C-alpha atoms as a PDB file:
ATOM      1  CA  MET A   1     176.073 -81.838 181.690  1.00  0.00           C
ATOM      2  CA  THR A   2     172.431 -82.902 181.817  1.00  0.00           C
ATOM      3  CA  GLU A   3     173.047 -85.715 179.336  1.00  0.00           C
ATOM      4  CA  SER A   4     176.211 -86.913 181.084  1.00  0.00           C
ATOM      5  CA  PRO A   5     176.175 -90.126 183.139  1.00  0.00           C
ATOM      6  CA  ILE A   6     176.241 -90.504 186.911  1.00  0.00           C
ATOM      7  CA  GLY A   7     179.364 -92.232 188.191  1.00  0.00           C
ATOM      8  CA  VAL A   8     179.105 -94.918 190.864  1.00  0.00           C
ATOM      9  CA  PHE A   9     181.942 -96.904 192.418  1.00  0.00           C
ATOM     10  CA  ASP A  10     182.554 -99.546 195.046  1.00  0.00           C
ATOM     11  CA  SER A  11     185.322-101.918 196.027  1.00  0.00           C
ATOM     12  CA  GLY A  12     183.484-104.610 194.078  1.00  0.00           C
ATOM     13  CA  ILE A  13     179.964-105.831 193.385  1.00  0.00           C
ATOM     14  CA  GLY A  14     178.406-104.537 196.625  1.00  0.00           C
ATOM     15  CA  GLY A  15     177.624-101.140 195.136  1.00  0.00           C
ATOM     16  CA  LEU A  16     175.306-102.838 192.656  1.00  0.00           C
ATOM     17  CA  SER A  17     172.748-102.730 195.484  1.00  0.00           C
ATOM     18  CA  VAL A  18     172.983 -98.924 195.415  1.00  0.00           C
ATOM     19  CA  LEU A  19     172.939 -98.885 191.605  1.00  0.00           C
ATOM     20  CA  GLN A  20     169.750-100.951 191.781  1.00  0.00           C
ATOM     21  CA  ALA A  21     168.085 -98.226 193.873  1.00  0.00           C
ATOM     22  CA  LEU A  22     169.491 -95.447 191.669  1.00  0.00           C
ATOM     23  CA  GLN A  23     168.147 -96.916 188.439  1.00  0.00           C
ATOM     24  CA  SER A  24     164.731 -97.296 190.045  1.00  0.00           C
ATOM     25  CA  ALA A  25     164.649 -93.705 191.339  1.00  0.00           C
ATOM     26  CA  LEU A  26     166.223 -92.163 188.227  1.00  0.00           C
ATOM     27  CA  PRO A  27     164.893 -94.181 185.270  1.00  0.00           C
ATOM     28  CA  ALA A  28     165.990 -91.696 182.579  1.00  0.00           C
ATOM     29  CA  GLU A  29     169.587 -91.367 183.765  1.00  0.00           C
ATOM     30  CA  HIS A  30     172.677 -93.092 182.412  1.00  0.00           C
ATOM     31  CA  PHE A  31     175.234 -94.663 184.769  1.00  0.00           C
ATOM     32  CA  VAL A  32     178.874 -95.721 184.729  1.00  0.00           C
ATOM     33  CA  TYR A  33     179.706 -98.183 187.497  1.00  0.00           C
ATOM     34  CA  TRP A  34     183.272 -99.007 188.552  1.00  0.00           C
ATOM     35  CA  ALA A  35     183.835-102.234 190.504  1.00  0.00           C
ATOM     36  CA  ASP A  36     187.332-102.022 191.983  1.00  0.00           C
ATOM     37  CA  SER A  37     187.353-105.795 192.473  1.00  0.00           C
ATOM     38  CA  GLY A  38     191.067-106.014 191.751  1.00  0.00           C
ATOM     39  CA  HIS A  39     191.595-104.274 195.101  1.00  0.00           C
ATOM     40  CA  ALA A  40     188.654-105.684 197.100  1.00  0.00           C
ATOM     41  CA  PRO A  41     187.726-105.685 199.886  1.00  0.00           C
ATOM     42  CA  TYR A  42     188.345-102.100 201.024  1.00  0.00           C
ATOM     43  CA  GLY A  43     187.180-102.827 204.567  1.00  0.00           C
ATOM     44  CA  GLU A  44     190.399-104.623 205.431  1.00  0.00           C
ATOM     45  CA  LYS A  45     192.737-102.095 203.730  1.00  0.00           C
ATOM     46  CA  SER A  46     194.343 -98.967 205.196  1.00  0.00           C
ATOM     47  CA  ASP A  47     192.618 -95.572 204.989  1.00  0.00           C
ATOM     48  CA  VAL A  48     195.526 -94.258 202.932  1.00  0.00           C
ATOM     49  CA  PHE A  49     195.104 -97.023 200.353  1.00  0.00           C
ATOM     50  CA  VAL A  50     191.323 -96.527 200.139  1.00  0.00           C
ATOM     51  CA  ARG A  51     191.748 -92.768 199.685  1.00  0.00           C
ATOM     52  CA  GLN A  52     194.266 -93.299 196.892  1.00  0.00           C
ATOM     53  CA  ARG A  53     191.956 -95.711 195.068  1.00  0.00           C
ATOM     54  CA  SER A  54     188.922 -93.437 195.532  1.00  0.00           C
ATOM     55  CA  LEU A  55     190.722 -90.385 194.156  1.00  0.00           C
ATOM     56  CA  ALA A  56     192.134 -92.335 191.191  1.00  0.00           C
ATOM     57  CA  ILE A  57     188.728 -93.768 190.250  1.00  0.00           C
ATOM     58  CA  ALA A  58     186.985 -90.408 190.643  1.00  0.00           C
ATOM     59  CA  GLN A  59     189.575 -88.708 188.416  1.00  0.00           C
ATOM     60  CA  HIS A  60     189.144 -91.395 185.752  1.00  0.00           C
ATOM     61  CA  LEU A  61     185.344 -91.198 185.786  1.00  0.00           C
ATOM     62  CA  ILE A  62     185.459 -87.408 185.518  1.00  0.00           C
ATOM     63  CA  GLU A  63     188.106 -87.207 182.786  1.00  0.00           C
ATOM     64  CA  ARG A  64     187.155 -90.241 180.695  1.00  0.00           C
ATOM     65  CA  HIS A  65     183.392 -90.500 181.208  1.00  0.00           C
ATOM     66  CA  HIS A  66     182.559 -86.844 181.981  1.00  0.00           C
ATOM     67  CA  ILE A  67     180.261 -87.751 184.866  1.00  0.00           C
ATOM     68  CA  LYS A  68     177.925 -85.088 186.270  1.00  0.00           C
ATOM     69  CA  ALA A  69     177.716 -86.605 189.788  1.00  0.00           C
ATOM     70  CA  LEU A  70     179.543 -89.266 191.779  1.00  0.00           C
ATOM     71  CA  VAL A  71     178.028 -91.796 194.157  1.00  0.00           C
ATOM     72  CA  VAL A  72     180.546 -93.412 196.492  1.00  0.00           C
ATOM     73  CA  ALA A  73     178.612 -96.666 196.935  1.00  0.00           C
ATOM     74  CA  CYS A  74     180.923 -98.019 199.625  1.00  0.00           C
ATOM     75  CA  ASN A  75     180.760 -97.314 203.352  1.00  0.00           C
ATOM     76  CA  THR A  76     184.509 -97.767 203.811  1.00  0.00           C
ATOM     77  CA  ALA A  77     185.407 -95.446 200.920  1.00  0.00           C
ATOM     78  CA  THR A  78     182.922 -92.850 202.149  1.00  0.00           C
ATOM     79  CA  ALA A  79     184.436 -92.912 205.626  1.00  0.00           C
ATOM     80  CA  ALA A  80     188.013 -92.739 204.361  1.00  0.00           C
ATOM     81  CA  ALA A  81     187.769 -90.473 201.330  1.00  0.00           C
ATOM     82  CA  ILE A  82     184.572 -88.425 200.997  1.00  0.00           C
ATOM     83  CA  HIS A  83     186.109 -85.321 202.610  1.00  0.00           C
ATOM     84  CA  GLU A  84     189.095 -85.323 200.255  1.00  0.00           C
ATOM     85  CA  LEU A  85     186.887 -86.002 197.247  1.00  0.00           C
ATOM     86  CA  ARG A  86     184.720 -82.993 198.117  1.00  0.00           C
ATOM     87  CA  THR A  87     187.802 -80.842 198.585  1.00  0.00           C
ATOM     88  CA  GLN A  88     189.274 -82.007 195.273  1.00  0.00           C
ATOM     89  CA  TYR A  89     186.024 -81.650 193.276  1.00  0.00           C
ATOM     90  CA  PRO A  90     183.958 -78.909 194.969  1.00  0.00           C
ATOM     91  CA  GLN A  91     181.646 -78.382 191.967  1.00  0.00           C
ATOM     92  CA  LEU A  92     180.750 -82.062 191.558  1.00  0.00           C
ATOM     93  CA  PRO A  93     177.621 -83.355 193.330  1.00  0.00           C
ATOM     94  CA  LEU A  94     179.032 -86.078 195.600  1.00  0.00           C
ATOM     95  CA  ILE A  95     176.940 -88.594 197.494  1.00  0.00           C
ATOM     96  CA  GLY A  96     178.392 -91.012 200.023  1.00  0.00           C
ATOM     97  CA  VAL A  97     176.861 -93.818 202.039  1.00  0.00           C
ATOM     98  CA  GLU A  98     176.867 -94.429 205.759  1.00  0.00           C
ATOM     99  CA  PRO A  99     175.220 -97.035 207.991  1.00  0.00           C
ATOM    100  CA  ALA A 100     171.529 -96.120 208.261  1.00  0.00           C
ATOM    101  CA  LEU A 101     171.422 -95.605 212.028  1.00  0.00           C
ATOM    102  CA  LYS A 102     168.866 -92.783 212.007  1.00  0.00           C
ATOM    103  CA  PRO A 103     166.274 -94.691 209.935  1.00  0.00           C
ATOM    104  CA  ALA A 104     166.857 -97.700 212.211  1.00  0.00           C
ATOM    105  CA  ILE A 105     165.975 -95.666 215.306  1.00  0.00           C
ATOM    106  CA  ALA A 106     162.646 -94.717 213.734  1.00  0.00           C
ATOM    107  CA  LEU A 107     161.872 -98.372 212.958  1.00  0.00           C
ATOM    108  CA  SER A 108     162.997-100.023 216.176  1.00  0.00           C
ATOM    109  CA  ARG A 109     160.552-100.742 219.001  1.00  0.00           C
ATOM    110  CA  THR A 110     162.978-102.338 221.457  1.00  0.00           C
ATOM    111  CA  GLN A 111     165.575 -99.617 220.830  1.00  0.00           C
ATOM    112  CA  ARG A 112     168.286-102.271 220.607  1.00  0.00           C
ATOM    113  CA  ILE A 113     169.783-102.007 217.146  1.00  0.00           C
ATOM    114  CA  GLY A 114     172.469-104.184 215.607  1.00  0.00           C
ATOM    115  CA  VAL A 115     175.019-102.797 213.163  1.00  0.00           C
ATOM    116  CA  ILE A 116     177.197-105.029 210.986  1.00  0.00           C
ATOM    117  CA  GLY A 117     179.906-103.711 208.687  1.00  0.00           C
ATOM    118  CA  THR A 118     183.540-103.963 207.733  1.00  0.00           C
ATOM    119  CA  ARG A 119     186.229-103.217 210.285  1.00  0.00           C
ATOM    120  CA  GLY A 120     187.261-100.198 208.185  1.00  0.00           C
ATOM    121  CA  THR A 121     183.795 -98.656 208.341  1.00  0.00           C
ATOM    122  CA  LEU A 122     182.982 -99.418 211.959  1.00  0.00           C
ATOM    123  CA  GLY A 123     186.414 -98.355 213.172  1.00  0.00           C
ATOM    124  CA  SER A 124     186.391 -95.026 211.309  1.00  0.00           C
ATOM    125  CA  ASP A 125     186.200 -91.600 212.934  1.00  0.00           C
ATOM    126  CA  LYS A 126     183.227 -90.810 210.700  1.00  0.00           C
ATOM    127  CA  PHE A 127     181.224 -93.739 212.060  1.00  0.00           C
ATOM    128  CA  HIS A 128     182.116 -92.924 215.661  1.00  0.00           C
ATOM    129  CA  ARG A 129     180.996 -89.317 215.160  1.00  0.00           C
ATOM    130  CA  LEU A 130     177.689 -90.599 213.769  1.00  0.00           C
ATOM    131  CA  LEU A 131     177.311 -92.973 216.715  1.00  0.00           C
ATOM    132  CA  SER A 132     178.113 -90.208 219.242  1.00  0.00           C
ATOM    133  CA  SER A 133     175.566 -87.864 217.651  1.00  0.00           C
ATOM    134  CA  LEU A 134     172.831 -90.414 218.447  1.00  0.00           C
ATOM    135  CA  ASP A 135     173.888 -91.021 222.039  1.00  0.00           C
ATOM    136  CA  GLY A 136     170.913 -91.844 224.240  1.00  0.00           C
ATOM    137  CA  GLN A 137     168.469 -92.423 221.385  1.00  0.00           C
ATOM    138  CA  ALA A 138     169.033 -96.190 221.183  1.00  0.00           C
ATOM    139  CA  GLU A 139     171.497 -98.886 222.155  1.00  0.00           C
ATOM    140  CA  PHE A 140     173.703 -99.950 219.228  1.00  0.00           C
ATOM    141  CA  ILE A 141     175.403-103.344 219.174  1.00  0.00           C
ATOM    142  CA  VAL A 142     178.228-103.011 216.673  1.00  0.00           C
ATOM    143  CA  GLN A 143     179.806-106.064 215.042  1.00  0.00           C
ATOM    144  CA  PRO A 144     182.658-106.026 212.484  1.00  0.00           C
ATOM    145  CA  CYS A 145     182.333-108.879 209.978  1.00  0.00           C
ATOM    146  CA  ASN A 146     185.773-109.717 208.619  1.00  0.00           C
ATOM    147  CA  GLY A 147     185.608-111.803 205.459  1.00  0.00           C
ATOM    148  CA  LEU A 148     181.878-111.376 204.794  1.00  0.00           C
ATOM    149  CA  ALA A 149     182.172-108.815 201.979  1.00  0.00           C
ATOM    150  CA  LEU A 150     184.816-110.981 200.321  1.00  0.00           C
ATOM    151  CA  ALA A 151     182.625-114.087 200.610  1.00  0.00           C
ATOM    152  CA  ILE A 152     179.765-112.226 198.917  1.00  0.00           C
ATOM    153  CA  GLU A 153     182.182-110.923 196.276  1.00  0.00           C
ATOM    154  CA  GLU A 154     183.356-114.467 195.602  1.00  0.00           C
ATOM    155  CA  SER A 155     179.814-115.870 195.511  1.00  0.00           C
ATOM    156  CA  THR A 156     179.582-115.120 191.799  1.00  0.00           C
ATOM    157  CA  HIS A 157     182.423-117.587 191.097  1.00  0.00           C
ATOM    158  CA  ILE A 158     181.150-120.660 192.961  1.00  0.00           C
ATOM    159  CA  SER A 159     177.909-122.605 193.077  1.00  0.00           C
ATOM    160  CA  ALA A 160     174.904-120.915 194.663  1.00  0.00           C
ATOM    161  CA  SER A 161     174.556-123.585 197.371  1.00  0.00           C
ATOM    162  CA  ALA A 162     178.232-123.531 198.344  1.00  0.00           C
ATOM    163  CA  SER A 163     178.385-119.730 198.480  1.00  0.00           C
ATOM    164  CA  SER A 164     175.160-119.543 200.488  1.00  0.00           C
ATOM    165  CA  GLU A 165     176.523-122.063 203.013  1.00  0.00           C
ATOM    166  CA  LYS A 166     179.747-120.081 203.465  1.00  0.00           C
ATOM    167  CA  ILE A 167     177.913-116.759 203.812  1.00  0.00           C
ATOM    168  CA  THR A 168     175.381-118.248 206.247  1.00  0.00           C
ATOM    169  CA  ALA A 169     178.182-119.715 208.390  1.00  0.00           C
ATOM    170  CA  LEU A 170     179.853-116.299 208.640  1.00  0.00           C
ATOM    171  CA  LEU A 171     176.561-114.570 209.409  1.00  0.00           C
ATOM    172  CA  ARG A 172     175.674-117.147 212.061  1.00  0.00           C
ATOM    173  CA  GLY A 173     179.016-116.630 213.770  1.00  0.00           C
ATOM    174  CA  TYR A 174     178.878-112.842 213.763  1.00  0.00           C
ATOM    175  CA  THR A 175     175.205-112.396 214.690  1.00  0.00           C
ATOM    176  CA  GLY A 176     175.650-115.034 217.398  1.00  0.00           C
ATOM    177  CA  GLN A 177     178.119-112.700 219.111  1.00  0.00           C
ATOM    178  CA  MET A 178     175.635-109.814 219.182  1.00  0.00           C
ATOM    179  CA  GLY A 179     172.966-111.231 221.479  1.00  0.00           C
ATOM    180  CA  ALA A 180     169.323-112.255 221.073  1.00  0.00           C
ATOM    181  CA  PHE A 181     167.294-111.074 218.081  1.00  0.00           C
ATOM    182  CA  GLY A 182     163.526-110.592 218.110  1.00  0.00           C
ATOM    183  CA  ARG A 183     160.766-108.283 219.282  1.00  0.00           C
ATOM    184  CA  GLY A 184     160.974-109.116 222.980  1.00  0.00           C
ATOM    185  CA  PRO A 185     162.314-106.776 225.683  1.00  0.00           C
ATOM    186  CA  GLY A 186     166.086-106.459 225.458  1.00  0.00           C
ATOM    187  CA  GLN A 187     166.233-108.111 222.037  1.00  0.00           C
ATOM    188  CA  ILE A 188     167.684-106.668 218.833  1.00  0.00           C
ATOM    189  CA  ASP A 189     164.730-106.022 216.523  1.00  0.00           C
ATOM    190  CA  THR A 190     166.517-104.022 213.813  1.00  0.00           C
ATOM    191  CA  LEU A 191     169.776-104.762 212.007  1.00  0.00           C
ATOM    192  CA  VAL A 192     171.645-102.134 209.995  1.00  0.00           C
ATOM    193  CA  LEU A 193     173.563-103.463 206.998  1.00  0.00           C
ATOM    194  CA  GLY A 194     176.646-101.237 207.156  1.00  0.00           C
ATOM    195  CA  CYS A 195     178.224-102.519 203.937  1.00  0.00           C
ATOM    196  CA  THR A 196     176.618-102.374 200.514  1.00  0.00           C
ATOM    197  CA  HIS A 197     177.719-105.971 199.846  1.00  0.00           C
ATOM    198  CA  TYR A 198     175.554-107.236 202.715  1.00  0.00           C
ATOM    199  CA  VAL A 199     172.334-106.380 200.883  1.00  0.00           C
ATOM    200  CA  PHE A 200     173.041-109.426 198.712  1.00  0.00           C
ATOM    201  CA  ALA A 201     172.985-111.618 201.831  1.00  0.00           C
ATOM    202  CA  GLN A 202     169.547-110.408 202.958  1.00  0.00           C
ATOM    203  CA  ASN A 203     167.833-113.719 202.264  1.00  0.00           C
ATOM    204  CA  GLU A 204     170.350-115.645 204.377  1.00  0.00           C
ATOM    205  CA  LEU A 205     170.109-113.043 207.153  1.00  0.00           C
ATOM    206  CA  GLN A 206     166.318-113.040 207.237  1.00  0.00           C
ATOM    207  CA  THR A 207     166.211-116.832 207.355  1.00  0.00           C
ATOM    208  CA  LEU A 208     168.763-116.838 210.161  1.00  0.00           C
ATOM    209  CA  LEU A 209     167.223-114.086 212.310  1.00  0.00           C
ATOM    210  CA  GLY A 210     163.530-114.529 211.549  1.00  0.00           C
ATOM    211  CA  THR A 211     160.947-112.204 210.049  1.00  0.00           C
ATOM    212  CA  ASP A 212     160.520-110.244 213.301  1.00  0.00           C
ATOM    213  CA  VAL A 213     163.890-108.575 212.684  1.00  0.00           C
ATOM    214  CA  GLN A 214     163.944-105.604 210.314  1.00  0.00           C
ATOM    215  CA  LEU A 215     166.918-105.182 207.976  1.00  0.00           C
ATOM    216  CA  VAL A 216     167.914-101.623 207.059  1.00  0.00           C
ATOM    217  CA  SER A 217     170.173-100.674 204.134  1.00  0.00           C
ATOM    218  CA  THR A 218     171.208 -97.417 202.458  1.00  0.00           C
ATOM    219  CA  GLY A 219     170.319 -97.754 198.772  1.00  0.00           C
ATOM    220  CA  GLU A 220     166.989 -95.900 198.717  1.00  0.00           C
ATOM    221  CA  PRO A 221     168.108 -92.913 200.874  1.00  0.00           C
ATOM    222  CA  VAL A 222     171.194 -92.532 198.655  1.00  0.00           C
ATOM    223  CA  ALA A 223     169.038 -92.586 195.517  1.00  0.00           C
ATOM    224  CA  ARG A 224     166.720 -89.925 196.970  1.00  0.00           C
ATOM    225  CA  GLN A 225     169.675 -87.703 197.902  1.00  0.00           C
ATOM    226  CA  THR A 226     171.182 -88.112 194.435  1.00  0.00           C
ATOM    227  CA  ARG A 227     167.919 -87.008 192.865  1.00  0.00           C
ATOM    228  CA  ARG A 228     167.680 -83.994 195.209  1.00  0.00           C
ATOM    229  CA  LEU A 229     171.212 -82.812 194.368  1.00  0.00           C
ATOM    230  CA  LEU A 230     170.699 -83.195 190.627  1.00  0.00           C
ATOM    231  CA  GLU A 231     167.407 -81.311 190.809  1.00  0.00           C
ATOM    232  CA  ALA A 232     169.077 -78.516 192.801  1.00  0.00           C
ATOM    233  CA  ALA A 233     171.826 -78.291 190.158  1.00  0.00           C
ATOM    234  CA  ALA A 234     169.271 -78.428 187.300  1.00  0.00           C
ATOM    235  CA  GLN A 235     171.060 -81.513 185.946  1.00  0.00           C
ATOM    236  CA  LEU A 236     168.301 -84.113 185.904  1.00  0.00           C
ATOM    237  CA  ARG A 237     168.130 -85.756 182.502  1.00  0.00           C
ATOM    238  CA  SER A 238     164.980 -84.813 180.637  1.00  0.00           C
ATOM    239  CA  GLY A 239     163.982 -87.247 178.003  1.00  0.00           C
ATOM    240  CA  PRO A 240     161.317 -89.605 176.738  1.00  0.00           C
ATOM    241  CA  ALA A 241     159.797 -92.416 178.745  1.00  0.00           C
ATOM    242  CA  PRO A 242     162.292 -94.535 180.715  1.00  0.00           C
ATOM    243  CA  ILE A 243     164.589 -96.529 178.464  1.00  0.00           C
ATOM    244  CA  ALA A 244     165.757-100.095 179.018  1.00  0.00           C
ATOM    245  CA  ALA A 245     168.270-100.426 181.842  1.00  0.00           C
ATOM    246  CA  SER A 246     170.714-102.303 179.630  1.00  0.00           C
ATOM    247  CA  ALA A 247     170.940 -99.301 177.280  1.00  0.00           C
ATOM    248  CA  ARG A 248     171.864 -96.849 180.036  1.00  0.00           C
ATOM    249  CA  MET A 249     174.315 -98.915 182.087  1.00  0.00           C
ATOM    250  CA  GLN A 250     178.040 -99.315 181.586  1.00  0.00           C
ATOM    251  CA  LEU A 251     179.705-101.508 184.208  1.00  0.00           C
ATOM    252  CA  LEU A 252     183.503-101.682 184.503  1.00  0.00           C
ATOM    253  CA  THR A 253     185.765-103.918 186.571  1.00  0.00           C
ATOM    254  CA  ASN A 254     189.477-104.457 187.066  1.00  0.00           C
ATOM    255  CA  GLY A 255     188.731-107.887 188.512  1.00  0.00           C
ATOM    256  CA  GLU A 256     187.350-110.940 186.742  1.00  0.00           C
ATOM    257  CA  LEU A 257     184.828-109.854 184.132  1.00  0.00           C
ATOM    258  CA  SER A 258     182.813-113.057 184.549  1.00  0.00           C
ATOM    259  CA  GLY A 259     182.184-112.237 188.213  1.00  0.00           C
ATOM    260  CA  LEU A 260     180.731-108.809 187.452  1.00  0.00           C
ATOM    261  CA  GLN A 261     178.698-110.250 184.583  1.00  0.00           C
ATOM    262  CA  ALA A 262     177.216-112.924 186.838  1.00  0.00           C
ATOM    263  CA  ALA A 263     176.404-110.395 189.575  1.00  0.00           C
ATOM    264  CA  ALA A 264     174.878-107.875 187.149  1.00  0.00           C
ATOM    265  CA  GLN A 265     172.737-110.571 185.565  1.00  0.00           C
ATOM    266  CA  ARG A 266     171.650-112.036 188.916  1.00  0.00           C
ATOM    267  CA  TRP A 267     170.782-108.807 190.714  1.00  0.00           C
ATOM    268  CA  LEU A 268     170.153-106.188 188.013  1.00  0.00           C
ATOM    269  CA  HIS A 269     169.018-108.492 185.177  1.00  0.00           C
ATOM    270  CA  LEU A 270     171.600-106.919 182.868  1.00  0.00           C
ATOM    271  CA  PRO A 271     173.110-108.737 179.885  1.00  0.00           C
ATOM    272  CA  HIS A 272     176.798-109.642 179.834  1.00  0.00           C
ATOM    273  CA  ALA A 273     177.333-107.003 177.145  1.00  0.00           C
ATOM    274  CA  ALA A 274     176.771-104.253 179.755  1.00  0.00           C
ATOM    275  CA  CYS A 275     180.011-105.260 181.535  1.00  0.00           C
ATOM    276  CA  HIS A 276     183.525-104.394 180.414  1.00  0.00           C
ATOM    277  CA  LYS A 277     187.134-104.624 181.559  1.00  0.00           C
ATOM    278  CA  ALA A 278     188.285-101.364 183.155  1.00  0.00           C
ATOM    279  CA  ASP A 279     191.366 -99.382 182.185  1.00  0.00           C
ATOM    280  CA  PRO A 280     194.224-101.350 183.828  1.00  0.00           C
ATOM    281  CA  HIS A 281     196.235 -98.171 184.430  1.00  0.00           C
ATOM    282  CA  VAL A 282     193.749 -96.685 186.906  1.00  0.00           C
END
């Protein structure tokens, strides 16, 4: 199993932000990434639907690609399906993502922390249990952002300026409902990006909120946890010096191939040849 790839999946291109952190932390590993863009976004789908998709993708990655670990690079899928995935595949190292509330507490000075995410993530029992476990440690201002993940997903199909304007308009509307941002008393000084797609809107967010506001995402903690689990299972790939990323990445999508190719080239500097159409029967 040591030579087998690590599976990663998301509802679309958002999980590429996690893949970016994984390839940096695990330079000798091979990866198979599944973008379920034909069913995106998960955040506005039912839990039952998200669980069905998560189980189907996991089964395919295990049976067809013989993965040695699975990273659920989607907050909504983690909230809806991680328990069932662990029950179904107890021997498989499984890593999910969740909004990085604990790291945000350590960073915040005003102890007013914003959290943005999909309605599916922020409305889940898993998120509310996480929030309750941190009661009294900080004040969390939680804001669902309907349509934002989809706008980022679609940004690979339209001009950079037009997509940036649409994303900025959505961000301005949602952050405007949360209150004042900054380092002053009573202001939100830390913002948790509770959807892996939102990492690709960091530039727009930082411009909008100012450099005093810290943005917190989940990619690096997930990469560290993946490494820890593989080390514990003695499944880290041992090999020569790190090989080129394009030689160890296989990206699959059941959406438009051109969209994944554009996203992979823009954010991971991967050639179009690394991207492929996924099995339509999954």
